[in-house]
Structures are given as C-alpha cells and as structure tokens.
Amino acid sequence: EVQLVESGGGLVQAGGSLRLSCAASGFTFDDYAIGWFRQAPGKEREGVSCISSSDGSTYYADSVKGRFTISSDNAKNTVYLQMNSLKPEDTAVYYCAAGPDRCDSYYYTLRGGGPPDFGSWGQGTQVTVSS
C-alpha cells in the first residue's frame, strides 16, 4: 500500500524558512514523480513543485521560483521542500503526491488541473506565515 506522510509544517514569520518532508512507503522511488501542492482556504489547489526520481528533473511554480527548493533522498524514500523567504501568501496546507513516471507527465496537473492525477496523496501539513 502506497503511503505518503508529510511533516515539517508550522508557524513562521514572514522571511523565515521551513523544510517540509514527504516520507514514502509501499513503493520504490525508481521511476516516480513526487509533487508538492498547496491549498489555502477558499482557493484552488496549486501545484508548487515536482521532482522526478529517475533523473532529478524539477518543476517550480512561478510563485515559488528562487525561494523553494525540492530535493530527494532516494535511499530514504523521502522528498524535501526547502522553503525560504516565506510570505504570508504561502500560507496553506501543503500536500505531497506521488505518481509513476516523470514530472513532465503531469504538466497540466501541476499547472492548474487536468489529467492525470498523481494517484497517491498524503494527509497534508499546515504552513502558516505571519506578517
């Protein structure tokens, strides 16, 4: 059974940093895309970042480019999202998701919707950035 468990969320002041972790079990990281999404109250889900375990290729939403860094430790089946220079508008519940193949396969999913879905989702972790 595929399981994804996020951790690392919390309350931070604007300009601060947090590192989210997504620990995966039930599958091997050989050829998977691991994505980070976020959803703020009353807003649509937004694709934030993605990393392809096969070649390390990455995707970042424009809103987080230069501030967030995604990385993976395939030996630990864990993906990290380092978030720096946090802004109040980054406040949301952050979810990680996993799906077979590379992030390229989830072009529309990451950019606002459309198939395919990643297939496996974590329970989410709250990130709150105070001004």
Protein backbone atom coordinates (compact mmCIF):
# COMPACT_ATOMS: atom_id res chain seq x y z
CA GLU A 1 0.00 0.00 0.00
CA VAL A 2 1.40 3.39 -1.00
CA GLN A 3 1.68 5.80 1.90
CA LEU A 4 2.90 9.38 1.95
CA VAL A 5 3.45 11.21 5.22
CA GLU A 6 4.23 14.92 5.28
CA SER A 7 5.92 16.68 8.16
CA GLY A 8 7.70 19.91 8.93
CA GLY A 9 4.88 22.40 8.74
CA GLY A 10 4.35 25.07 11.36
CA LEU A 11 4.08 28.74 12.10
CA VAL A 12 6.83 31.05 10.91
CA GLN A 13 7.26 34.78 10.47
CA ALA A 14 7.48 36.32 7.03
CA GLY A 15 11.01 35.99 5.71
CA GLY A 16 11.58 32.79 7.63
CA SER A 17 12.19 29.24 6.44
CA LEU A 18 10.69 25.81 6.82
CA ARG A 19 11.62 22.41 5.43
CA LEU A 20 8.84 20.01 4.60
CA SER A 21 9.43 16.28 4.31
CA CYS A 22 7.44 13.67 2.45
CA ALA A 23 8.24 10.13 3.56
CA ALA A 24 7.02 7.49 1.14
CA SER A 25 6.45 3.80 1.67
CA GLY A 26 4.87 0.98 -0.26
CA PHE A 27 6.75 1.65 -3.49
CA THR A 28 10.28 2.28 -4.67
CA PHE A 29 11.41 5.63 -5.92
CA ASP A 30 12.86 4.22 -9.12
CA ASP A 31 10.59 5.96 -11.59
CA TYR A 32 8.19 8.22 -9.79
CA ALA A 33 7.21 11.86 -9.80
CA ILE A 34 6.78 13.38 -6.37
CA GLY A 35 4.88 16.62 -6.33
CA TRP A 36 4.10 19.24 -3.72
CA PHE A 37 0.77 21.00 -3.84
CA ARG A 38 -0.85 23.55 -1.57
CA GLN A 39 -4.34 24.71 -0.89
CA ALA A 40 -5.32 27.82 1.01
CA PRO A 41 -8.85 28.33 2.37
CA GLY A 42 -11.23 29.32 -0.39
CA LYS A 43 -8.62 28.84 -3.10
CA GLU A 44 -7.93 26.23 -5.74
CA ARG A 45 -5.25 23.65 -5.21
CA GLU A 46 -1.94 24.85 -6.62
CA GLY A 47 0.97 22.80 -7.88
CA VAL A 48 4.10 24.08 -6.17
CA SER A 49 6.95 21.83 -7.18
CA CYS A 50 7.80 18.39 -8.50
CA ILE A 51 10.84 16.15 -8.77
CA SER A 52 11.36 13.11 -10.97
CA SER A 53 13.17 10.36 -9.12
CA SER A 54 14.57 8.87 -12.33
CA ASP A 55 16.64 11.86 -13.41
CA GLY A 56 16.15 14.55 -10.78
CA SER A 57 14.36 16.91 -13.14
CA THR A 58 12.30 19.50 -11.32
CA TYR A 59 9.39 21.87 -11.73
CA TYR A 60 8.58 25.02 -9.77
CA ALA A 61 5.56 27.25 -9.92
CA ASP A 62 6.43 30.84 -10.79
CA SER A 63 5.20 31.94 -7.39
CA VAL A 64 7.93 29.98 -5.58
CA LYS A 65 10.84 30.03 -8.03
CA GLY A 66 14.02 31.22 -6.38
CA ARG A 67 12.60 30.69 -2.89
CA PHE A 68 11.71 26.98 -2.72
CA THR A 69 13.99 24.03 -3.47
CA ILE A 70 12.84 20.46 -3.92
CA SER A 71 15.21 17.54 -3.37
CA SER A 72 15.01 13.83 -2.83
CA ASP A 73 16.89 11.18 -0.92
CA ASN A 74 16.07 8.04 -2.85
CA ALA A 75 17.78 5.82 -0.28
CA LYS A 76 15.36 7.12 2.34
CA ASN A 77 12.35 7.35 0.00
CA THR A 78 11.95 10.93 1.17
CA VAL A 79 11.41 14.17 -0.70
CA TYR A 80 12.07 17.56 0.85
CA LEU A 81 10.77 21.02 0.12
CA GLN A 82 13.02 23.74 1.48
CA MET A 83 11.04 26.95 1.71
CA ASN A 84 12.93 30.18 2.21
CA SER A 85 11.85 33.82 2.25
CA LEU A 86 8.35 32.76 3.16
CA LYS A 87 5.49 35.17 2.57
CA PRO A 88 2.03 35.34 4.13
CA GLU A 89 0.58 34.23 0.78
CA ASP A 90 2.46 30.93 1.17
CA THR A 91 0.08 30.06 4.00
CA ALA A 92 -1.73 26.85 3.07
CA VAL A 93 -1.99 23.16 3.70
CA TYR A 94 0.82 21.50 1.80
CA TYR A 95 0.36 18.04 0.34
CA CYS A 96 2.78 15.70 -1.34
CA ALA A 97 1.66 13.37 -4.08
CA ALA A 98 3.26 10.50 -5.96
CA GLY A 99 2.68 9.08 -9.38
CA PRO A 100 4.55 6.89 -11.84
CA ASP A 101 6.83 8.37 -14.47
CA ARG A 102 8.35 11.86 -14.60
CA CYS A 103 7.02 15.28 -13.67
CA ASP A 104 6.66 16.01 -17.40
CA SER A 105 3.76 13.54 -17.45
CA TYR A 106 1.84 15.75 -15.01
CA TYR A 107 2.20 19.02 -16.94
CA TYR A 108 -1.45 20.05 -16.66
CA THR A 109 -1.94 18.64 -13.17
CA LEU A 110 0.84 20.83 -11.85
CA ARG A 111 -0.33 23.94 -13.65
CA GLY A 112 -3.91 24.10 -12.53
CA GLY A 113 -5.73 20.93 -13.30
CA GLY A 114 -6.34 18.23 -15.80
CA PRO A 115 -5.38 14.60 -16.03
CA PRO A 116 -3.62 12.58 -14.98
CA ASP A 117 -3.93 12.66 -11.24
CA PHE A 118 -0.86 11.67 -9.24
CA GLY A 119 -2.77 8.81 -7.68
CA SER A 120 -1.37 8.85 -4.15
CA TRP A 121 -1.64 11.74 -1.70
CA GLY A 122 -0.52 12.47 1.81
CA GLN A 123 -2.69 13.92 4.56
CA GLY A 124 -1.15 17.38 4.39
CA THR A 125 0.78 19.63 6.73
CA GLN A 126 -0.19 23.18 7.67
CA VAL A 127 2.16 26.05 6.91
CA THR A 128 1.25 29.43 8.37
CA VAL A 129 3.31 32.51 7.65
CA SER A 130 2.60 35.54 9.80
CA SER A 131 3.21 39.07 8.61
